């Protein structure tokens, strides 16, 4: 039986050893010092294994440590000094332990990503605590459960500013939504119970449900403006369309129609204020913006026409599965983002936007 509580100590000259989880504190830090500290922490704490297993585990711990320090050096070299902090050493040991046991490359990617964020968060705050929790929880989840977190996050919490036309919207759906959906995998109720048990989600009742068209329309309303002509515009705004030309563009959906060139009505309001347009006219412009938005059914029809594979997500979201009836916790958001970055290599997140 493996006993993670076996503790041994060893230290070199001028080092200070603390027995507990044998956190080694060094004064003065460099890249090589940080690496030595990290591996000393691992060797002082990990369980005694047979010779072959011990070599495999140590190689994995070294691999993770090197990848972490290289990534940290590239993104925030000054944060290497955090390695002299006991809490950071404990966080790194947790990651070393998880990867030494599994050897899973996808897990390593997420552990390294979380560690880099953790080292870059020296002050004790909610974000730091969440990252520490995420390191402990990530190895307890399957790939399918992590995909559930990322998919829910993408639909309910994320709006991609790079989506500025219909082509980019379709690419986003294919490359950043459907990558988390495997039609051959059937969700099981126990997966959601486990996610709740692990502290990643809160299970909600059916009243929490929002449809996918509602969510996508809320995030990208400019993509679903049906367009209007000058007569329709002037009927609502009571002024000539030519007076508001800087706020307009050709419609995405009808070449002879116009639409607003703002992603949503708040951006439209800011642009209008910048042009010196008075409040009454701004209210009419916002009314026109909303009047010519597609209805939910129209959004659904368009999505299925352009991306037929979206049908499986519609079924998963609105069917018996609980995908739409979970609310991510702060830990769930951290893991959703780490998995998102592992699957979608071109994106980066700042957890601080969602967790302060």
Protein backbone atom coordinates (compact mmCIF):
# COMPACT_ATOMS: atom_id res chain seq x y z
CA UNK A 1 0.00 0.00 0.00
CA UNK A 2 1.39 3.41 -0.97
CA UNK A 3 1.88 5.77 1.95
CA UNK A 4 2.23 9.41 0.92
CA UNK A 5 2.93 10.38 4.51
CA UNK A 6 6.41 8.78 4.64
CA UNK A 7 8.74 11.72 5.22
CA UNK A 8 12.51 11.91 4.81
CA UNK A 9 14.81 14.91 4.92
CA UNK A 10 18.05 15.81 3.23
CA UNK A 11 19.66 19.18 2.73
CA UNK A 12 22.87 20.65 1.44
CA UNK A 13 25.12 23.24 2.97
CA UNK A 14 23.44 26.48 4.08
CA UNK A 15 19.92 25.13 3.57
CA UNK A 16 17.07 25.18 6.05
CA UNK A 17 14.82 22.11 6.32
CA UNK A 18 11.28 22.17 7.67
CA UNK A 19 9.61 18.86 8.50
CA UNK A 20 5.92 18.66 7.48
CA UNK A 21 5.92 18.24 3.80
CA UNK A 22 9.69 18.88 3.92
CA UNK A 23 9.56 22.30 2.27
CA UNK A 24 13.12 23.52 1.59
CA UNK A 25 13.63 27.28 1.85
CA UNK A 26 16.67 28.77 0.11
CA UNK A 27 17.86 32.36 0.40
CA UNK A 28 18.82 33.89 -2.97
CA UNK A 29 17.42 32.40 -6.14
CA UNK A 30 18.46 31.71 -9.73
CA UNK A 31 17.11 29.46 -12.45
CA UNK A 32 19.42 26.59 -11.44
CA UNK A 33 18.72 27.23 -7.75
CA UNK A 34 14.99 27.03 -8.46
CA UNK A 35 15.44 23.72 -10.27
CA UNK A 36 17.55 22.28 -7.42
CA UNK A 37 14.97 23.39 -4.87
CA UNK A 38 12.13 21.89 -6.89
CA UNK A 39 13.81 18.50 -7.21
CA UNK A 40 14.94 18.51 -3.56
CA UNK A 41 11.32 19.03 -2.57
CA UNK A 42 10.26 16.10 -4.72
CA UNK A 43 13.01 13.75 -3.47
CA UNK A 44 12.37 14.67 0.15
CA UNK A 45 8.66 13.93 -0.01
CA UNK A 46 7.71 11.36 -2.61
CA UNK A 47 7.08 7.80 -1.48
CA UNK A 48 9.74 5.12 -1.68
CA UNK A 49 9.17 3.00 -4.79
CA UNK A 50 10.94 0.08 -6.39
CA UNK A 51 14.06 1.04 -8.36
CA UNK A 52 12.44 0.99 -11.81
CA UNK A 53 9.31 2.79 -10.70
CA UNK A 54 11.36 5.36 -8.79
CA UNK A 55 13.39 6.17 -11.89
CA UNK A 56 10.26 6.62 -14.01
CA UNK A 57 8.67 8.83 -11.36
CA UNK A 58 11.80 10.97 -10.96
CA UNK A 59 12.14 11.43 -14.72
CA UNK A 60 8.53 12.60 -14.89
CA UNK A 61 9.06 15.00 -11.98
CA UNK A 62 12.16 16.43 -13.67
CA UNK A 63 10.32 16.76 -16.98
CA UNK A 64 7.47 18.69 -15.38
CA UNK A 65 9.89 20.86 -13.38
CA UNK A 66 11.95 21.75 -16.46
CA UNK A 67 8.88 22.52 -18.56
CA UNK A 68 7.42 24.65 -15.78
CA UNK A 69 10.60 26.68 -15.25
CA UNK A 70 11.15 27.16 -18.98
CA UNK A 71 7.56 28.36 -19.41
CA UNK A 72 7.86 30.63 -16.39
CA UNK A 73 11.17 32.04 -17.63
CA UNK A 74 9.54 32.86 -20.96
CA UNK A 75 6.36 34.42 -19.57
CA UNK A 76 7.44 35.95 -16.25
CA UNK A 77 11.09 35.38 -15.41
CA UNK A 78 10.93 37.54 -12.28
CA UNK A 79 8.45 35.07 -10.77
CA UNK A 80 11.18 32.41 -10.49
CA UNK A 81 12.03 34.01 -7.15
CA UNK A 82 8.71 32.63 -5.85
CA UNK A 83 10.41 29.23 -5.64
CA UNK A 84 11.90 30.22 -2.28
CA UNK A 85 8.39 30.51 -0.83
CA UNK A 86 7.14 27.43 1.08
CA UNK A 87 3.64 27.72 -0.39
CA UNK A 88 4.98 27.76 -3.95
CA UNK A 89 7.20 24.77 -3.22
CA UNK A 90 4.17 22.92 -1.86
CA UNK A 91 2.20 23.77 -5.01
CA UNK A 92 5.01 22.49 -7.23
CA UNK A 93 5.33 19.30 -5.22
CA UNK A 94 1.62 18.65 -5.65
CA UNK A 95 2.02 18.96 -9.43
CA UNK A 96 5.17 16.78 -9.44
CA UNK A 97 3.36 14.12 -7.46
CA UNK A 98 0.35 14.04 -9.78
CA UNK A 99 2.42 13.82 -12.96
CA UNK A 100 4.89 11.33 -11.49
CA UNK A 101 1.97 9.00 -10.85
CA UNK A 102 0.20 9.35 -14.21
CA UNK A 103 2.67 10.41 -16.89
CA UNK A 104 -0.28 11.84 -18.83
CA UNK A 105 0.98 14.56 -21.22
CA UNK A 106 -2.34 16.41 -21.28
CA UNK A 107 -2.32 16.51 -17.49
CA UNK A 108 1.25 17.81 -17.50
CA UNK A 109 0.30 20.65 -19.85
CA UNK A 110 -2.46 21.77 -17.50
CA UNK A 111 -0.30 21.38 -14.38
CA UNK A 112 2.44 23.52 -15.94
CA UNK A 113 -0.09 26.15 -17.02
CA UNK A 114 -1.59 26.34 -13.53
CA UNK A 115 1.86 26.46 -11.92
CA UNK A 116 2.95 29.37 -14.11
CA UNK A 117 -0.16 31.30 -13.08
CA UNK A 118 0.42 30.31 -9.46
CA UNK A 119 4.04 31.56 -9.48
CA UNK A 120 2.83 34.80 -11.05
CA UNK A 121 0.35 35.32 -8.19
CA UNK A 122 2.59 35.96 -5.15
CA UNK A 123 -0.01 37.68 -2.99
CA UNK A 124 -2.45 35.54 -1.04
CA UNK A 125 -5.83 36.18 -2.62
CA UNK A 126 -8.75 34.23 -4.01
CA UNK A 127 -6.98 33.62 -7.31
CA UNK A 128 -3.96 32.08 -5.56
CA UNK A 129 -6.16 29.84 -3.42
CA UNK A 130 -8.15 28.73 -6.46
CA UNK A 131 -4.97 27.82 -8.35
CA UNK A 132 -3.73 25.76 -5.39
CA UNK A 133 -7.07 23.93 -5.31
CA UNK A 134 -7.00 23.38 -9.07
CA UNK A 135 -3.62 21.61 -8.79
CA UNK A 136 -5.12 19.10 -6.37
CA UNK A 137 -8.37 18.56 -8.30
CA UNK A 138 -7.23 18.32 -11.93
CA UNK A 139 -5.85 14.78 -11.66
CA UNK A 140 -9.19 13.59 -10.25
CA UNK A 141 -11.09 14.41 -13.45
CA UNK A 142 -11.33 12.55 -16.74
CA UNK A 143 -10.77 14.13 -20.13
CA UNK A 144 -14.53 14.04 -20.76
CA UNK A 145 -15.26 15.83 -17.49
CA UNK A 146 -12.69 18.52 -18.26
CA UNK A 147 -14.30 18.99 -21.68
CA UNK A 148 -17.66 19.49 -19.98
CA UNK A 149 -16.15 22.30 -17.92
CA UNK A 150 -14.53 23.94 -20.95
CA UNK A 151 -17.67 23.71 -23.07
CA UNK A 152 -19.87 25.18 -20.36
CA UNK A 153 -17.30 27.93 -19.81
CA UNK A 154 -17.14 28.76 -23.52
CA UNK A 155 -20.91 29.07 -23.84
CA UNK A 156 -21.75 30.80 -20.57
CA UNK A 157 -18.68 32.85 -19.61
CA UNK A 158 -16.66 33.59 -22.74
CA UNK A 159 -17.04 36.15 -25.51
CA UNK A 160 -14.29 36.12 -28.14
CA UNK A 161 -13.45 39.63 -29.39
CA UNK A 162 -11.78 38.10 -32.45
CA UNK A 163 -15.20 37.05 -33.79
CA UNK A 164 -15.85 40.04 -36.07
CA UNK A 165 -17.58 38.41 -39.05
CA UNK A 166 -19.54 35.29 -39.94
CA UNK A 167 -16.51 33.38 -41.21
CA UNK A 168 -14.72 33.91 -37.91
CA UNK A 169 -17.84 32.88 -36.01
CA UNK A 170 -18.00 29.60 -37.94
CA UNK A 171 -14.28 29.02 -37.32
CA UNK A 172 -14.79 29.69 -33.62
CA UNK A 173 -17.59 27.13 -33.48
CA UNK A 174 -15.55 24.47 -35.26
CA UNK A 175 -12.24 25.12 -33.55
CA UNK A 176 -13.22 26.25 -30.06
CA UNK A 177 -16.60 24.68 -29.31
CA UNK A 178 -16.94 21.42 -31.19
CA UNK A 179 -13.44 20.31 -30.14
CA UNK A 180 -14.97 19.65 -26.71
CA UNK A 181 -17.79 17.49 -28.08
CA UNK A 182 -17.32 13.82 -28.96
CA UNK A 183 -20.44 12.33 -30.53
CA UNK A 184 -19.26 8.82 -29.61
CA UNK A 185 -19.23 9.63 -25.88
CA UNK A 186 -22.44 9.45 -23.87
CA UNK A 187 -22.58 11.63 -20.78
CA UNK A 188 -23.41 9.89 -17.53
CA UNK A 189 -25.19 11.44 -14.55
CA UNK A 190 -22.38 10.31 -12.25
CA UNK A 191 -19.91 12.52 -14.13
CA UNK A 192 -21.81 15.61 -13.06
CA UNK A 193 -22.15 14.34 -9.51
CA UNK A 194 -18.38 13.83 -9.43
CA UNK A 195 -17.76 17.32 -10.79
CA UNK A 196 -19.94 18.68 -8.00
CA UNK A 197 -18.18 16.49 -5.40
CA UNK A 198 -14.79 17.74 -6.66
CA UNK A 199 -15.88 21.35 -6.15
CA UNK A 200 -15.91 22.27 -9.85
CA UNK A 201 -19.62 22.88 -10.40
CA UNK A 202 -22.88 23.55 -8.64
CA UNK A 203 -25.81 21.51 -9.91
CA UNK A 204 -28.72 23.78 -10.85
CA UNK A 205 -32.40 23.10 -11.41
CA UNK A 206 -34.11 23.36 -14.79
CA UNK A 207 -34.93 27.05 -14.33
CA UNK A 208 -31.23 27.83 -14.80
CA UNK A 209 -31.36 26.59 -18.39
CA UNK A 210 -30.57 28.98 -21.23
CA UNK A 211 -30.66 27.78 -24.82
CA UNK A 212 -27.56 27.86 -27.05
CA UNK A 213 -29.14 30.38 -29.48
CA UNK A 214 -29.87 32.67 -26.54
CA UNK A 215 -26.28 32.40 -25.28
CA UNK A 216 -24.62 32.89 -28.67
CA UNK A 217 -26.97 35.73 -29.58
CA UNK A 218 -26.11 37.35 -26.24
CA UNK A 219 -22.37 37.07 -26.88
CA UNK A 220 -22.31 37.93 -30.60
CA UNK A 221 -25.44 39.94 -31.43
CA UNK A 222 -23.84 41.77 -34.35
CA UNK A 223 -23.50 38.44 -36.15
CA UNK A 224 -27.29 38.05 -36.13
CA UNK A 225 -28.59 41.45 -37.21
CA UNK A 226 -30.98 40.80 -40.08
CA UNK A 227 -30.38 44.23 -41.56
CA UNK A 228 -32.63 47.14 -42.57
CA UNK A 229 -33.04 49.63 -45.39
CA UNK A 230 -33.14 53.40 -45.09
CA UNK A 231 -36.93 53.55 -44.77
CA UNK A 232 -37.02 51.03 -41.95
CA UNK A 233 -34.18 52.82 -40.19
CA UNK A 234 -35.79 56.25 -40.48
CA UNK A 235 -39.12 54.86 -39.22
CA UNK A 236 -37.49 54.02 -35.87
CA UNK A 237 -34.82 56.72 -35.57
CA UNK A 238 -36.85 59.54 -37.19
CA UNK A 239 -33.76 60.92 -38.93
CA UNK A 240 -31.93 60.31 -42.17
CA UNK A 241 -29.64 57.27 -42.20
CA UNK A 242 -26.89 59.42 -43.72
CA UNK A 243 -26.53 61.28 -40.41
CA UNK A 244 -25.35 58.07 -38.73
CA UNK A 245 -23.09 56.68 -41.45
CA UNK A 246 -20.07 56.15 -39.10
CA UNK A 247 -22.18 53.68 -37.09
CA UNK A 248 -23.34 51.58 -40.05
CA UNK A 249 -22.03 48.89 -42.39
CA UNK A 250 -23.41 46.51 -45.02
CA UNK A 251 -25.42 43.65 -43.54
CA UNK A 252 -23.76 40.26 -43.08
CA UNK A 253 -26.96 38.53 -44.17
CA UNK A 254 -28.46 40.75 -46.88
CA UNK A 255 -26.19 42.60 -49.30
CA UNK A 256 -28.70 45.39 -49.99
CA UNK A 257 -29.37 46.07 -46.30
CA UNK A 258 -27.43 47.79 -43.54
CA UNK A 259 -26.62 46.97 -39.94
CA UNK A 260 -24.71 48.57 -37.08
CA UNK A 261 -20.95 48.10 -37.01
CA UNK A 262 -20.86 47.48 -33.24
CA UNK A 263 -20.82 44.04 -31.63
CA UNK A 264 -23.50 44.95 -29.09
CA UNK A 265 -25.67 47.87 -28.04
CA UNK A 266 -23.30 49.02 -25.27
CA UNK A 267 -20.49 49.45 -27.81
CA UNK A 268 -22.95 51.18 -30.12
CA UNK A 269 -23.84 53.59 -27.29
CA UNK A 270 -20.17 54.38 -26.61
CA UNK A 271 -19.48 55.04 -30.29
CA UNK A 272 -22.54 57.27 -30.56
CA UNK A 273 -21.54 59.26 -27.48
CA UNK A 274 -18.08 59.71 -28.97
CA UNK A 275 -19.71 61.23 -32.05
CA UNK A 276 -21.69 63.67 -29.91
CA UNK A 277 -25.08 62.09 -30.62
CA UNK A 278 -27.69 63.09 -28.05
CA UNK A 279 -29.31 60.66 -25.61
CA UNK A 280 -32.69 60.52 -27.32
CA UNK A 281 -31.15 59.53 -30.64
CA UNK A 282 -28.95 56.95 -28.88
CA UNK A 283 -32.07 55.35 -27.39
CA UNK A 284 -33.62 55.14 -30.87
CA UNK A 285 -30.43 53.65 -32.33
CA UNK A 286 -30.36 50.97 -29.63
CA UNK A 287 -34.03 50.24 -30.29
CA UNK A 288 -33.26 49.76 -33.98
CA UNK A 289 -30.33 47.50 -33.10
CA UNK A 290 -32.58 45.19 -31.06
CA UNK A 291 -35.56 45.34 -33.42
CA UNK A 292 -33.60 43.73 -36.24
CA UNK A 293 -31.91 40.96 -34.27
CA UNK A 294 -32.78 37.38 -35.24
CA UNK A 295 -35.09 35.42 -32.96
CA UNK A 296 -33.73 32.36 -31.18
CA UNK A 297 -35.30 30.01 -33.71
CA UNK A 298 -33.69 31.90 -36.58
CA UNK A 299 -30.29 31.72 -34.88
CA UNK A 300 -30.67 27.97 -34.41
CA UNK A 301 -31.63 27.48 -38.06
CA UNK A 302 -28.68 29.53 -39.30
CA UNK A 303 -26.22 27.66 -37.06
CA UNK A 304 -27.40 24.27 -38.28
CA UNK A 305 -27.26 25.37 -41.92
CA UNK A 306 -23.70 26.60 -41.60
CA UNK A 307 -22.39 23.98 -39.15
CA UNK A 308 -24.51 20.79 -39.33
CA UNK A 309 -22.28 19.17 -36.69
CA UNK A 310 -23.69 21.66 -34.22
CA UNK A 311 -26.74 19.42 -33.92
CA UNK A 312 -24.98 17.11 -31.44
CA UNK A 313 -24.28 20.08 -29.18
CA UNK A 314 -27.91 21.21 -29.36
CA UNK A 315 -28.98 17.72 -28.30
CA UNK A 316 -26.42 17.52 -25.50
CA UNK A 317 -27.21 20.97 -24.17
CA UNK A 318 -30.99 20.72 -24.19
CA UNK A 319 -31.46 16.99 -23.65
CA UNK A 320 -31.43 14.81 -20.56
CA UNK A 321 -27.76 15.53 -19.93
CA UNK A 322 -26.94 18.15 -17.31
CA UNK A 323 -24.52 20.15 -19.44
CA UNK A 324 -26.73 23.24 -19.38
CA UNK A 325 -27.71 22.81 -15.73
CA UNK A 326 -24.36 23.34 -14.05
CA UNK A 327 -22.72 26.52 -12.83
CA UNK A 328 -18.93 26.57 -12.69
CA UNK A 329 -17.24 27.37 -9.40
CA UNK A 330 -14.01 29.37 -9.32
CA UNK A 331 -12.04 26.10 -9.39
CA UNK A 332 -14.19 24.90 -12.28
CA UNK A 333 -13.37 28.08 -14.22
CA UNK A 334 -9.61 27.62 -13.59
CA UNK A 335 -9.70 24.02 -14.84
CA UNK A 336 -11.97 24.89 -17.77
CA UNK A 337 -9.42 27.46 -18.90
CA UNK A 338 -6.42 25.16 -18.45
CA UNK A 339 -8.14 22.44 -20.50
CA UNK A 340 -9.26 25.04 -23.07
CA UNK A 341 -5.65 26.15 -23.59
CA UNK A 342 -4.53 22.53 -23.84
CA UNK A 343 -7.06 21.81 -26.62
CA UNK A 344 -7.01 25.23 -28.35
CA UNK A 345 -3.33 26.15 -28.62
CA UNK A 346 -3.86 29.64 -30.01
CA UNK A 347 -5.62 31.10 -26.98
CA UNK A 348 -4.50 32.47 -23.66
CA UNK A 349 -6.53 33.50 -20.63
CA UNK A 350 -6.05 35.68 -17.60
CA UNK A 351 -7.88 33.92 -14.77
CA UNK A 352 -7.91 37.26 -12.97
CA UNK A 353 -10.70 38.43 -15.29
CA UNK A 354 -13.01 35.89 -13.64
CA UNK A 355 -11.35 35.32 -10.24
CA UNK A 356 -9.92 38.21 -8.22
